[in-house]
Amino acid sequence: MNLNYLDFDYSENTDGTGTFDAMASVSPSQLANVYAEVEQVLRWAVQAFGADCGAVEDGFAWNHDLQAQQEYTVNEHPVFDPASGRVRTQQGKAGVPRHTVTLSISGSAEFCEALRTQLESA
């Protein structure tokens, strides 16, 4: 896999279930690229381990959680007023939105080893 936006961190619990977590925060012009990477990872999981996914403790090989959020930033312009000794702020215009996409994939030891191999082969 050739991933430029998603950088996965791996953790494992005591029963051997592993979790890969990635987050990307991008401008609107980059959002399609992030979703293309999400699609690439999830297509691999479906092709390698089947479309049936769910909690590993319920017998599934893998599961995923995909979330997204859009945020706008508004700059504030603080000004100190020496006469009153107070700071007042004026808000600027809203900036370009940021899109934050998170993808968590959990799986059995076999699934995690296979995904790790895919991620490292890039």
C-alpha atoms as a PDB file:
ATOM      1  CA  MET A   1       0.000   0.000   0.000  1.00  0.00           C
ATOM      2  CA  ASN A   2       1.211   3.456  -0.853  1.00  0.00           C
ATOM      3  CA  LEU A   3      -0.160   5.738   1.884  1.00  0.00           C
ATOM      4  CA  ASN A   4       0.734   9.418   2.144  1.00  0.00           C
ATOM      5  CA  TYR A   5      -1.922  10.658   4.592  1.00  0.00           C
ATOM      6  CA  LEU A   6      -2.719   7.710   6.853  1.00  0.00           C
ATOM      7  CA  ASP A   7       0.042   6.790   9.296  1.00  0.00           C
ATOM      8  CA  PHE A   8      -1.073   3.936  11.532  1.00  0.00           C
ATOM      9  CA  ASP A   9      -0.134   3.414  15.175  1.00  0.00           C
ATOM     10  CA  TYR A  10      -0.491  -0.125  16.499  1.00  0.00           C
ATOM     11  CA  SER A  11      -1.557  -1.336  19.925  1.00  0.00           C
ATOM     12  CA  GLU A  12      -2.519  -4.733  21.271  1.00  0.00           C
ATOM     13  CA  ASN A  13      -4.624  -5.799  24.239  1.00  0.00           C
ATOM     14  CA  THR A  14      -4.013  -8.747  26.534  1.00  0.00           C
ATOM     15  CA  ASP A  15      -6.189 -11.162  24.553  1.00  0.00           C
ATOM     16  CA  GLY A  16      -4.153 -10.622  21.370  1.00  0.00           C
ATOM     17  CA  THR A  17      -6.564  -8.317  19.550  1.00  0.00           C
ATOM     18  CA  GLY A  18      -4.607  -5.632  17.749  1.00  0.00           C
ATOM     19  CA  THR A  19      -5.733  -2.168  16.708  1.00  0.00           C
ATOM     20  CA  PHE A  20      -4.344   0.112  14.019  1.00  0.00           C
ATOM     21  CA  ASP A  21      -5.321   3.785  14.428  1.00  0.00           C
ATOM     22  CA  ALA A  22      -4.774   6.557  11.889  1.00  0.00           C
ATOM     23  CA  MET A  23      -5.898  10.163  11.662  1.00  0.00           C
ATOM     24  CA  ALA A  24      -5.531  12.730   8.902  1.00  0.00           C
ATOM     25  CA  SER A  25      -6.458  16.407   9.136  1.00  0.00           C
ATOM     26  CA  VAL A  26      -6.521  18.019   5.712  1.00  0.00           C
ATOM     27  CA  SER A  27      -7.850  20.877   3.622  1.00  0.00           C
ATOM     28  CA  PRO A  28     -10.832  20.276   1.302  1.00  0.00           C
ATOM     29  CA  SER A  29      -8.498  19.867  -1.688  1.00  0.00           C
ATOM     30  CA  GLN A  30      -6.825  16.857  -0.022  1.00  0.00           C
ATOM     31  CA  LEU A  31      -9.933  15.122   1.322  1.00  0.00           C
ATOM     32  CA  ALA A  32     -10.491  12.926  -1.749  1.00  0.00           C
ATOM     33  CA  ASN A  33      -6.912  11.637  -1.408  1.00  0.00           C
ATOM     34  CA  VAL A  34      -7.506  10.688   2.228  1.00  0.00           C
ATOM     35  CA  TYR A  35     -10.698   8.821   1.373  1.00  0.00           C
ATOM     36  CA  ALA A  36      -8.894   7.051  -1.480  1.00  0.00           C
ATOM     37  CA  GLU A  37      -6.379   5.748   1.062  1.00  0.00           C
ATOM     38  CA  VAL A  38      -9.163   4.683   3.451  1.00  0.00           C
ATOM     39  CA  GLU A  39     -10.826   2.839   0.567  1.00  0.00           C
ATOM     40  CA  GLN A  40      -7.538   1.161  -0.337  1.00  0.00           C
ATOM     41  CA  VAL A  41      -7.040  -0.169   3.199  1.00  0.00           C
ATOM     42  CA  LEU A  42     -10.643  -1.318   3.610  1.00  0.00           C
ATOM     43  CA  ARG A  43     -10.711  -2.946   0.141  1.00  0.00           C
ATOM     44  CA  TRP A  44      -7.606  -4.912   1.113  1.00  0.00           C
ATOM     45  CA  ALA A  45      -9.280  -6.052   4.355  1.00  0.00           C
ATOM     46  CA  VAL A  46     -12.415  -7.189   2.512  1.00  0.00           C
ATOM     47  CA  GLN A  47     -10.424  -8.983  -0.203  1.00  0.00           C
ATOM     48  CA  ALA A  48      -8.072 -10.676   2.273  1.00  0.00           C
ATOM     49  CA  PHE A  49     -10.483 -11.471   5.148  1.00  0.00           C
ATOM     50  CA  GLY A  50     -14.016 -11.094   3.798  1.00  0.00           C
ATOM     51  CA  ALA A  51     -16.705  -8.450   4.002  1.00  0.00           C
ATOM     52  CA  ASP A  52     -18.173  -9.811   7.241  1.00  0.00           C
ATOM     53  CA  CYS A  53     -16.612  -7.771   9.980  1.00  0.00           C
ATOM     54  CA  GLY A  54     -17.429  -7.270  13.634  1.00  0.00           C
ATOM     55  CA  ALA A  55     -15.977  -7.587  17.105  1.00  0.00           C
ATOM     56  CA  VAL A  56     -13.061 -10.007  17.240  1.00  0.00           C
ATOM     57  CA  GLU A  57     -14.357 -11.394  20.552  1.00  0.00           C
ATOM     58  CA  ASP A  58     -17.502 -12.406  18.649  1.00  0.00           C
ATOM     59  CA  GLY A  59     -15.435 -14.491  16.229  1.00  0.00           C
ATOM     60  CA  PHE A  60     -14.851 -12.014  13.433  1.00  0.00           C
ATOM     61  CA  ALA A  61     -11.373 -11.623  11.915  1.00  0.00           C
ATOM     62  CA  TRP A  62     -11.554  -7.833  11.750  1.00  0.00           C
ATOM     63  CA  ASN A  63     -13.594  -4.714  12.368  1.00  0.00           C
ATOM     64  CA  HIS A  64     -13.293  -1.015  11.601  1.00  0.00           C
ATOM     65  CA  ASP A  65     -14.503   2.371  12.793  1.00  0.00           C
ATOM     66  CA  LEU A  66     -14.444   5.280  10.333  1.00  0.00           C
ATOM     67  CA  GLN A  67     -15.299   8.811  11.462  1.00  0.00           C
ATOM     68  CA  ALA A  68     -14.945  12.307  10.058  1.00  0.00           C
ATOM     69  CA  GLN A  69     -15.368  15.854  11.254  1.00  0.00           C
ATOM     70  CA  GLN A  70     -15.272  19.231   9.545  1.00  0.00           C
ATOM     71  CA  GLU A  71     -14.015  22.245  11.508  1.00  0.00           C
ATOM     72  CA  TYR A  72     -13.715  25.925  10.768  1.00  0.00           C
ATOM     73  CA  THR A  73     -11.099  28.144  12.349  1.00  0.00           C
ATOM     74  CA  VAL A  74     -11.815  31.762  13.161  1.00  0.00           C
ATOM     75  CA  ASN A  75      -8.840  33.956  13.960  1.00  0.00           C
ATOM     76  CA  GLU A  76      -9.194  36.294  16.892  1.00  0.00           C
ATOM     77  CA  HIS A  77      -7.338  39.569  17.088  1.00  0.00           C
ATOM     78  CA  PRO A  78      -6.639  40.405  20.731  1.00  0.00           C
ATOM     79  CA  VAL A  79      -5.927  44.040  21.561  1.00  0.00           C
ATOM     80  CA  PHE A  80      -4.795  45.336  24.936  1.00  0.00           C
ATOM     81  CA  ASP A  81      -6.495  48.593  25.956  1.00  0.00           C
ATOM     82  CA  PRO A  82      -4.088  50.454  28.259  1.00  0.00           C
ATOM     83  CA  ALA A  83      -6.815  52.842  29.488  1.00  0.00           C
ATOM     84  CA  SER A  84      -8.995  50.028  30.859  1.00  0.00           C
ATOM     85  CA  GLY A  85      -6.194  47.518  31.444  1.00  0.00           C
ATOM     86  CA  ARG A  86      -8.224  44.870  29.650  1.00  0.00           C
ATOM     87  CA  VAL A  87      -7.825  42.741  26.552  1.00  0.00           C
ATOM     88  CA  ARG A  88     -10.623  42.756  24.000  1.00  0.00           C
ATOM     89  CA  THR A  89     -10.852  40.592  20.932  1.00  0.00           C
ATOM     90  CA  GLN A  90     -12.233  41.006  17.480  1.00  0.00           C
ATOM     91  CA  GLN A  91     -13.070  37.981  15.402  1.00  0.00           C
ATOM     92  CA  GLY A  92     -11.866  37.682  11.847  1.00  0.00           C
ATOM     93  CA  LYS A  93     -13.507  35.751   9.041  1.00  0.00           C
ATOM     94  CA  ALA A  94     -13.824  32.000   9.146  1.00  0.00           C
ATOM     95  CA  GLY A  95     -10.961  30.281   7.398  1.00  0.00           C
ATOM     96  CA  VAL A  96     -10.938  27.296   5.074  1.00  0.00           C
ATOM     97  CA  PRO A  97     -12.425  24.218   6.773  1.00  0.00           C
ATOM     98  CA  ARG A  98     -10.256  21.347   7.972  1.00  0.00           C
ATOM     99  CA  HIS A  99     -11.471  17.799   7.538  1.00  0.00           C
ATOM    100  CA  THR A 100     -10.342  15.290  10.138  1.00  0.00           C
ATOM    101  CA  VAL A 101     -10.755  11.620   9.252  1.00  0.00           C
ATOM    102  CA  THR A 102     -10.009   8.806  11.691  1.00  0.00           C
ATOM    103  CA  LEU A 103      -9.811   5.121  10.865  1.00  0.00           C
ATOM    104  CA  SER A 104      -9.405   2.387  13.466  1.00  0.00           C
ATOM    105  CA  ILE A 105      -9.047  -1.217  12.369  1.00  0.00           C
ATOM    106  CA  SER A 106      -8.944  -4.029  14.890  1.00  0.00           C
ATOM    107  CA  GLY A 107      -8.352  -7.662  14.217  1.00  0.00           C
ATOM    108  CA  SER A 108      -7.128 -11.062  15.192  1.00  0.00           C
ATOM    109  CA  ALA A 109      -3.408 -11.803  15.394  1.00  0.00           C
ATOM    110  CA  GLU A 110      -3.531 -13.279  11.870  1.00  0.00           C
ATOM    111  CA  PHE A 111      -5.305 -10.206  10.473  1.00  0.00           C
ATOM    112  CA  CYS A 112      -2.903  -7.813  12.216  1.00  0.00           C
ATOM    113  CA  GLU A 113       0.159  -9.610  10.932  1.00  0.00           C
ATOM    114  CA  ALA A 114      -1.195  -9.534   7.381  1.00  0.00           C
ATOM    115  CA  LEU A 115      -2.104  -5.833   7.604  1.00  0.00           C
ATOM    116  CA  ARG A 116       1.281  -4.987   9.124  1.00  0.00           C
ATOM    117  CA  THR A 117       2.960  -6.752   6.181  1.00  0.00           C
ATOM    118  CA  GLN A 118       0.858  -4.733   3.727  1.00  0.00           C
ATOM    119  CA  LEU A 119       1.644  -1.435   5.463  1.00  0.00           C
ATOM    120  CA  GLU A 120       5.375  -2.158   5.654  1.00  0.00           C
ATOM    121  CA  SER A 121       5.639  -3.210   1.995  1.00  0.00           C
ATOM    122  CA  ALA A 122       4.971   0.335   0.782  1.00  0.00           C
END
